[in-house]
Amino acid sequence: MRQGKKSEKLKGSEEIYYPSFLFKEILMAMAIFILVAVVLAGFFPAGLEDPADPADNLYVPKPEWYFMFLYQLLKYFPGRLEAIVTAMVTVGGFAFLLLLPFIDKNAERNPRKRPIAMAALVFAVLVIISMTVIGLAS
C-alpha cells in the first residue's frame, strides 16, 4: 500500500519532454556557456597587436590559428586560382564529409567496421592539422 502512494505522487510530477523539459535544458546550457565565456574572458583576455602603422611595409598579417589551413592553402594556389581553392575545394571537401554517411552505406555503427568513412575523416583531419602546423611555422 505504501508503494502505491509513492507511485501516485510520481505520476503527478511527470512532465512532457517538449517543450517544458527541453526549455529547461536549453536554459541551463546557455547559463553554463555564458559562465564559461565570462570566466575565460576574465582570466584569459584576447591579446591585441600593436596599433597599425601605415609606414611599416614589412608587416605581414596572419590569420588566427583556426583559419591558418586556408591561409596556407592560398600559398599553394596563387593568383586566379585563389577563388577556386577558397570556394570550391573547401566547400567541396566539407560537403563530401557531410555526404559521406550517404556514400558509405555500411549499416554498421562501429567505427572500426567502417573503413571508408574513417579513412576519409582521418585524411581530412590530417590535412587540416598539417596545413595549420605548416602555416604557423612559416
N, C-alpha and C. Protein backbone atom coordinates (compact mmCIF):
# COMPACT_ATOMS: atom_id res chain seq x y z
N MET A 1 0.82 -1.17 0.00
CA MET A 1 0.00 0.00 0.00
C MET A 1 0.88 1.26 0.00
N ARG A 2 1.95 1.19 0.71
CA ARG A 2 2.84 2.33 0.75
C ARG A 2 3.47 2.58 -0.63
N GLN A 3 3.77 1.51 -1.34
CA GLN A 3 4.35 1.63 -2.67
C GLN A 3 3.38 2.31 -3.62
N GLY A 4 2.11 2.05 -3.50
CA GLY A 4 1.10 2.64 -4.37
C GLY A 4 1.01 4.14 -4.21
N LYS A 5 1.13 4.65 -2.99
CA LYS A 5 1.07 6.09 -2.77
C LYS A 5 2.29 6.79 -3.38
N LYS A 6 3.43 6.13 -3.30
CA LYS A 6 4.65 6.72 -3.86
C LYS A 6 4.54 6.82 -5.37
N SER A 7 4.03 5.78 -6.00
CA SER A 7 3.91 5.82 -7.46
C SER A 7 2.86 6.83 -7.90
N GLU A 8 1.82 7.05 -7.08
CA GLU A 8 0.83 8.06 -7.42
C GLU A 8 1.43 9.47 -7.37
N LYS A 9 2.32 9.71 -6.42
CA LYS A 9 2.98 11.00 -6.33
C LYS A 9 3.88 11.24 -7.55
N LEU A 10 4.58 10.20 -7.96
CA LEU A 10 5.47 10.34 -9.11
C LEU A 10 4.69 10.58 -10.39
N LYS A 11 3.54 9.97 -10.53
CA LYS A 11 2.75 10.14 -11.74
C LYS A 11 2.28 11.58 -11.88
N GLY A 12 2.00 12.24 -10.80
CA GLY A 12 1.55 13.61 -10.87
C GLY A 12 2.66 14.59 -11.22
N SER A 13 3.94 14.20 -11.01
CA SER A 13 5.04 15.12 -11.27
C SER A 13 5.69 14.92 -12.63
N GLU A 14 5.13 14.05 -13.45
CA GLU A 14 5.69 13.83 -14.79
C GLU A 14 5.48 15.07 -15.64
N GLU A 15 6.46 15.35 -16.50
CA GLU A 15 6.33 16.48 -17.39
C GLU A 15 6.71 16.03 -18.81
N ILE A 16 6.21 16.74 -19.76
CA ILE A 16 6.44 16.42 -21.15
C ILE A 16 7.85 16.90 -21.53
N TYR A 17 8.52 16.11 -22.36
CA TYR A 17 9.89 16.48 -22.77
C TYR A 17 9.88 17.77 -23.56
N TYR A 18 9.00 17.85 -24.54
CA TYR A 18 8.90 19.05 -25.37
C TYR A 18 7.61 19.75 -25.06
N PRO A 19 7.58 20.94 -24.72
CA PRO A 19 8.60 21.97 -24.69
C PRO A 19 9.19 22.25 -23.31
N SER A 20 8.56 21.77 -22.23
CA SER A 20 8.98 22.21 -20.89
C SER A 20 10.38 21.72 -20.50
N PHE A 21 10.65 20.43 -20.61
CA PHE A 21 11.95 19.92 -20.19
C PHE A 21 13.05 20.41 -21.11
N LEU A 22 12.77 20.44 -22.40
CA LEU A 22 13.76 20.91 -23.37
C LEU A 22 14.10 22.38 -23.11
N PHE A 23 13.12 23.19 -22.77
CA PHE A 23 13.35 24.59 -22.45
C PHE A 23 14.29 24.72 -21.25
N LYS A 24 14.09 23.90 -20.22
CA LYS A 24 14.96 23.94 -19.05
C LYS A 24 16.39 23.53 -19.41
N GLU A 25 16.52 22.54 -20.26
CA GLU A 25 17.85 22.09 -20.70
C GLU A 25 18.57 23.19 -21.48
N ILE A 26 17.84 23.86 -22.36
CA ILE A 26 18.44 24.94 -23.14
C ILE A 26 18.86 26.09 -22.23
N LEU A 27 18.05 26.43 -21.25
CA LEU A 27 18.41 27.49 -20.31
C LEU A 27 19.67 27.14 -19.53
N MET A 28 19.78 25.91 -19.08
CA MET A 28 20.97 25.50 -18.33
C MET A 28 22.21 25.52 -19.22
N ALA A 29 22.07 25.05 -20.46
CA ALA A 29 23.20 25.06 -21.38
C ALA A 29 23.66 26.48 -21.66
N MET A 30 22.72 27.39 -21.83
CA MET A 30 23.07 28.80 -22.06
C MET A 30 23.74 29.40 -20.84
N ALA A 31 23.25 29.08 -19.65
CA ALA A 31 23.85 29.60 -18.43
C ALA A 31 25.28 29.11 -18.26
N ILE A 32 25.52 27.84 -18.52
CA ILE A 32 26.87 27.29 -18.40
C ILE A 32 27.78 27.91 -19.45
N PHE A 33 27.28 28.07 -20.68
CA PHE A 33 28.07 28.68 -21.75
C PHE A 33 28.46 30.11 -21.39
N ILE A 34 27.52 30.88 -20.89
CA ILE A 34 27.80 32.27 -20.51
C ILE A 34 28.80 32.32 -19.36
N LEU A 35 28.65 31.44 -18.38
CA LEU A 35 29.57 31.39 -17.25
C LEU A 35 30.99 31.07 -17.72
N VAL A 36 31.13 30.07 -18.57
CA VAL A 36 32.45 29.70 -19.08
C VAL A 36 33.04 30.84 -19.90
N ALA A 37 32.23 31.49 -20.73
CA ALA A 37 32.72 32.60 -21.56
C ALA A 37 33.20 33.76 -20.69
N VAL A 38 32.45 34.09 -19.65
CA VAL A 38 32.83 35.19 -18.77
C VAL A 38 34.11 34.85 -18.01
N VAL A 39 34.21 33.64 -17.51
CA VAL A 39 35.41 33.23 -16.78
C VAL A 39 36.63 33.24 -17.69
N LEU A 40 36.50 32.68 -18.89
CA LEU A 40 37.63 32.66 -19.81
C LEU A 40 38.03 34.07 -20.25
N ALA A 41 37.04 34.93 -20.51
CA ALA A 41 37.36 36.30 -20.90
C ALA A 41 38.00 37.07 -19.75
N GLY A 42 37.64 36.74 -18.54
CA GLY A 42 38.22 37.42 -17.39
C GLY A 42 39.65 37.00 -17.11
N PHE A 43 39.93 35.72 -17.20
CA PHE A 43 41.27 35.23 -16.87
C PHE A 43 42.21 35.17 -18.07
N PHE A 44 41.68 35.02 -19.27
CA PHE A 44 42.49 34.94 -20.49
C PHE A 44 41.98 35.94 -21.53
N PRO A 45 42.24 37.23 -21.32
CA PRO A 45 41.72 38.22 -22.28
C PRO A 45 42.40 38.07 -23.64
N ALA A 46 41.69 38.51 -24.69
CA ALA A 46 42.22 38.44 -26.04
C ALA A 46 43.38 39.41 -26.19
N GLY A 47 44.48 38.91 -26.68
CA GLY A 47 45.65 39.75 -26.88
C GLY A 47 45.55 40.50 -28.20
N LEU A 48 45.87 41.76 -28.17
CA LEU A 48 45.84 42.58 -29.37
C LEU A 48 47.26 42.93 -29.77
N GLU A 49 47.44 43.14 -31.07
CA GLU A 49 48.75 43.55 -31.57
C GLU A 49 48.92 45.05 -31.40
N ASP A 50 50.08 45.54 -31.79
CA ASP A 50 50.33 46.97 -31.75
C ASP A 50 49.41 47.69 -32.72
N PRO A 51 49.17 48.97 -32.50
CA PRO A 51 48.34 49.72 -33.45
C PRO A 51 48.95 49.70 -34.84
N ALA A 52 48.11 49.79 -35.85
CA ALA A 52 48.57 49.74 -37.23
C ALA A 52 49.46 50.93 -37.55
N ASP A 53 50.55 50.65 -38.25
CA ASP A 53 51.49 51.69 -38.68
C ASP A 53 51.53 51.70 -40.20
N PRO A 54 50.94 52.68 -40.85
CA PRO A 54 50.90 52.70 -42.31
C PRO A 54 52.28 52.84 -42.95
N ALA A 55 53.27 53.31 -42.22
CA ALA A 55 54.61 53.47 -42.77
C ALA A 55 55.39 52.16 -42.79
N ASP A 56 54.94 51.17 -42.05
CA ASP A 56 55.65 49.88 -41.97
C ASP A 56 55.13 48.96 -43.07
N ASN A 57 55.97 48.76 -44.10
CA ASN A 57 55.55 47.87 -45.18
C ASN A 57 56.13 46.47 -45.05
N LEU A 58 56.81 46.18 -43.97
CA LEU A 58 57.37 44.85 -43.74
C LEU A 58 56.44 43.95 -42.94
N TYR A 59 55.38 44.51 -42.42
CA TYR A 59 54.45 43.73 -41.61
C TYR A 59 53.62 42.80 -42.49
N VAL A 60 53.61 41.52 -42.13
CA VAL A 60 52.83 40.53 -42.87
C VAL A 60 51.73 40.03 -41.94
N PRO A 61 50.48 40.37 -42.22
CA PRO A 61 49.39 39.93 -41.34
C PRO A 61 49.13 38.44 -41.52
N LYS A 62 48.81 37.78 -40.42
CA LYS A 62 48.47 36.36 -40.44
C LYS A 62 47.13 36.16 -39.76
N PRO A 63 46.33 35.23 -40.26
CA PRO A 63 45.05 34.96 -39.62
C PRO A 63 45.23 34.19 -38.31
N GLU A 64 44.16 34.05 -37.59
CA GLU A 64 44.18 33.24 -36.37
C GLU A 64 44.38 31.77 -36.73
N TRP A 65 44.65 30.95 -35.73
CA TRP A 65 45.01 29.56 -35.98
C TRP A 65 43.91 28.78 -36.66
N TYR A 66 42.63 29.11 -36.44
CA TYR A 66 41.54 28.33 -37.00
C TYR A 66 41.33 28.61 -38.48
N PHE A 67 41.94 29.65 -39.03
CA PHE A 67 41.91 29.90 -40.47
C PHE A 67 43.27 29.65 -41.12
N MET A 68 44.23 29.19 -40.35
CA MET A 68 45.59 29.05 -40.87
C MET A 68 45.69 28.02 -41.98
N PHE A 69 44.89 26.96 -41.97
CA PHE A 69 44.98 25.96 -43.04
C PHE A 69 44.51 26.55 -44.37
N LEU A 70 43.52 27.44 -44.33
CA LEU A 70 43.09 28.11 -45.57
C LEU A 70 44.15 29.10 -46.05
N TYR A 71 44.77 29.80 -45.14
CA TYR A 71 45.84 30.73 -45.48
C TYR A 71 47.00 30.00 -46.13
N GLN A 72 47.35 28.85 -45.61
CA GLN A 72 48.43 28.05 -46.18
C GLN A 72 48.03 27.49 -47.53
N LEU A 73 46.79 27.14 -47.69
CA LEU A 73 46.30 26.63 -48.97
C LEU A 73 46.40 27.70 -50.05
N LEU A 74 46.19 28.95 -49.70
CA LEU A 74 46.31 30.04 -50.66
C LEU A 74 47.74 30.24 -51.14
N LYS A 75 48.70 29.86 -50.32
CA LYS A 75 50.10 29.97 -50.75
C LYS A 75 50.41 28.98 -51.88
N TYR A 76 49.72 27.86 -51.91
CA TYR A 76 49.97 26.84 -52.94
C TYR A 76 49.24 27.15 -54.24
N PHE A 77 48.20 27.96 -54.18
CA PHE A 77 47.40 28.29 -55.37
C PHE A 77 47.27 29.81 -55.49
N PRO A 78 48.28 30.48 -56.02
CA PRO A 78 48.23 31.94 -56.09
C PRO A 78 47.45 32.44 -57.32
N GLY A 79 47.19 33.74 -57.32
CA GLY A 79 46.59 34.38 -58.48
C GLY A 79 45.14 34.04 -58.71
N ARG A 80 44.84 33.65 -59.95
CA ARG A 80 43.46 33.39 -60.35
C ARG A 80 42.86 32.15 -59.69
N LEU A 81 43.72 31.28 -59.20
CA LEU A 81 43.22 30.05 -58.58
C LEU A 81 42.73 30.24 -57.15
N GLU A 82 42.97 31.40 -56.56
CA GLU A 82 42.57 31.64 -55.17
C GLU A 82 41.07 31.47 -54.97
N ALA A 83 40.28 32.02 -55.86
CA ALA A 83 38.82 31.92 -55.71
C ALA A 83 38.36 30.48 -55.84
N ILE A 84 38.97 29.74 -56.73
CA ILE A 84 38.58 28.34 -56.90
C ILE A 84 38.92 27.53 -55.65
N VAL A 85 40.10 27.76 -55.13
CA VAL A 85 40.52 26.99 -53.94
C VAL A 85 39.67 27.36 -52.73
N THR A 86 39.50 28.65 -52.48
CA THR A 86 38.77 29.04 -51.27
C THR A 86 37.30 28.65 -51.34
N ALA A 87 36.72 28.72 -52.51
CA ALA A 87 35.29 28.42 -52.62
C ALA A 87 35.04 26.95 -52.92
N MET A 88 35.62 26.46 -53.97
CA MET A 88 35.25 25.13 -54.47
C MET A 88 35.89 23.98 -53.67
N VAL A 89 37.18 24.08 -53.44
CA VAL A 89 37.87 22.96 -52.79
C VAL A 89 37.41 22.80 -51.34
N THR A 90 37.35 23.90 -50.60
CA THR A 90 36.97 23.79 -49.19
C THR A 90 35.50 23.42 -49.03
N VAL A 91 34.62 24.07 -49.80
CA VAL A 91 33.19 23.73 -49.71
C VAL A 91 32.96 22.31 -50.21
N GLY A 92 33.66 21.93 -51.27
CA GLY A 92 33.53 20.56 -51.78
C GLY A 92 34.03 19.52 -50.78
N GLY A 93 35.13 19.84 -50.10
CA GLY A 93 35.64 18.91 -49.10
C GLY A 93 34.70 18.73 -47.92
N PHE A 94 34.17 19.84 -47.41
CA PHE A 94 33.23 19.74 -46.30
C PHE A 94 31.91 19.10 -46.74
N ALA A 95 31.49 19.37 -47.96
CA ALA A 95 30.27 18.73 -48.48
C ALA A 95 30.48 17.23 -48.62
N PHE A 96 31.68 16.84 -49.04
CA PHE A 96 31.98 15.40 -49.13
C PHE A 96 31.90 14.74 -47.76
N LEU A 97 32.45 15.40 -46.73
CA LEU A 97 32.38 14.84 -45.39
C LEU A 97 30.94 14.76 -44.88
N LEU A 98 30.12 15.75 -45.24
CA LEU A 98 28.72 15.71 -44.82
C LEU A 98 27.94 14.62 -45.55
N LEU A 99 28.29 14.37 -46.81
CA LEU A 99 27.59 13.35 -47.59
C LEU A 99 28.18 11.96 -47.41
N LEU A 100 29.28 11.85 -46.70
CA LEU A 100 29.95 10.57 -46.53
C LEU A 100 29.06 9.48 -45.94
N PRO A 101 28.20 9.75 -44.98
CA PRO A 101 27.32 8.68 -44.49
C PRO A 101 26.36 8.15 -45.56
N PHE A 102 26.02 8.99 -46.53
CA PHE A 102 25.15 8.53 -47.60
C PHE A 102 25.93 7.81 -48.70
N ILE A 103 27.22 8.14 -48.83
CA ILE A 103 28.06 7.46 -49.82
C ILE A 103 28.45 6.08 -49.30
N ASP A 104 28.92 6.02 -48.07
CA ASP A 104 29.29 4.74 -47.44
C ASP A 104 28.06 4.22 -46.71
N LYS A 105 27.32 3.36 -47.36
CA LYS A 105 26.04 2.90 -46.81
C LYS A 105 26.17 1.66 -45.92
N ASN A 106 27.30 1.52 -45.29
CA ASN A 106 27.51 0.42 -44.38
C ASN A 106 26.60 0.61 -43.16
N ALA A 107 25.83 -0.40 -42.83
CA ALA A 107 24.86 -0.29 -41.73
C ALA A 107 25.51 -0.41 -40.36
N GLU A 108 26.76 -0.77 -40.32
CA GLU A 108 27.48 -0.95 -39.06
C GLU A 108 27.72 0.39 -38.39
N ARG A 109 27.58 0.46 -37.06
CA ARG A 109 27.79 1.71 -36.33
C ARG A 109 29.17 1.78 -35.69
N ASN A 110 29.85 0.67 -35.59
CA ASN A 110 31.17 0.62 -35.00
C ASN A 110 32.17 1.28 -35.97
N PRO A 111 32.92 2.28 -35.52
CA PRO A 111 33.86 2.95 -36.43
C PRO A 111 34.92 2.02 -37.01
N ARG A 112 35.28 0.99 -36.28
CA ARG A 112 36.29 0.05 -36.79
C ARG A 112 35.78 -0.77 -37.98
N LYS A 113 34.48 -0.88 -38.10
CA LYS A 113 33.90 -1.66 -39.19
C LYS A 113 33.44 -0.77 -40.34
N ARG A 114 33.86 0.50 -40.33
CA ARG A 114 33.53 1.44 -41.42
C ARG A 114 34.83 2.06 -41.93
N PRO A 115 35.64 1.27 -42.65
CA PRO A 115 36.97 1.77 -43.04
C PRO A 115 36.93 2.93 -44.02
N ILE A 116 35.96 2.98 -44.91
CA ILE A 116 35.93 4.06 -45.90
C ILE A 116 35.63 5.40 -45.21
N ALA A 117 34.64 5.43 -44.37
CA ALA A 117 34.28 6.66 -43.69
C ALA A 117 35.40 7.12 -42.75
N MET A 118 35.97 6.20 -42.02
CA MET A 118 37.02 6.57 -41.08
C MET A 118 38.28 7.01 -41.80
N ALA A 119 38.62 6.36 -42.92
CA ALA A 119 39.80 6.78 -43.68
C ALA A 119 39.61 8.19 -44.24
N ALA A 120 38.42 8.50 -44.73
CA ALA A 120 38.16 9.85 -45.25
C ALA A 120 38.23 10.88 -44.14
N LEU A 121 37.68 10.57 -42.99
CA LEU A 121 37.71 11.50 -41.86
C LEU A 121 39.13 11.72 -41.35
N VAL A 122 39.88 10.65 -41.20
CA VAL A 122 41.27 10.77 -40.73
C VAL A 122 42.10 11.55 -41.74
N PHE A 123 41.89 11.30 -43.03
CA PHE A 123 42.61 12.05 -44.06
C PHE A 123 42.30 13.53 -43.98
N ALA A 124 41.04 13.89 -43.85
CA ALA A 124 40.65 15.30 -43.77
C ALA A 124 41.25 15.97 -42.54
N VAL A 125 41.20 15.30 -41.40
CA VAL A 125 41.75 15.87 -40.17
C VAL A 125 43.26 16.04 -40.28
N LEU A 126 43.95 15.05 -40.86
CA LEU A 126 45.39 15.15 -41.01
C LEU A 126 45.79 16.27 -41.97
N VAL A 127 45.03 16.45 -43.04
CA VAL A 127 45.32 17.54 -43.98
C VAL A 127 45.14 18.88 -43.29
N ILE A 128 44.05 19.05 -42.55
CA ILE A 128 43.80 20.33 -41.88
C ILE A 128 44.85 20.60 -40.81
N ILE A 129 45.20 19.59 -40.02
CA ILE A 129 46.20 19.78 -38.98
C ILE A 129 47.58 20.07 -39.58
N SER A 130 47.96 19.33 -40.62
CA SER A 130 49.28 19.55 -41.23
C SER A 130 49.38 20.93 -41.89
N MET A 131 48.30 21.35 -42.57
CA MET A 131 48.31 22.68 -43.20
C MET A 131 48.37 23.77 -42.12
N THR A 132 47.71 23.57 -40.99
CA THR A 132 47.74 24.55 -39.91
C THR A 132 49.15 24.63 -39.31
N VAL A 133 49.78 23.50 -39.08
CA VAL A 133 51.13 23.48 -38.49
C VAL A 133 52.14 24.11 -39.47
N ILE A 134 52.04 23.79 -40.75
CA ILE A 134 52.94 24.38 -41.74
C ILE A 134 52.72 25.89 -41.81
N GLY A 135 51.46 26.33 -41.77
CA GLY A 135 51.17 27.75 -41.81
C GLY A 135 51.67 28.50 -40.58
N LEU A 136 51.57 27.88 -39.42
CA LEU A 136 52.06 28.52 -38.20
C LEU A 136 53.59 28.57 -38.18
N ALA A 137 54.24 27.58 -38.77
CA ALA A 137 55.70 27.54 -38.78
C ALA A 137 56.29 28.51 -39.78
N SER A 138 55.54 28.84 -40.84
CA SER A 138 56.10 29.73 -41.88
C SER A 138 55.95 31.19 -41.51
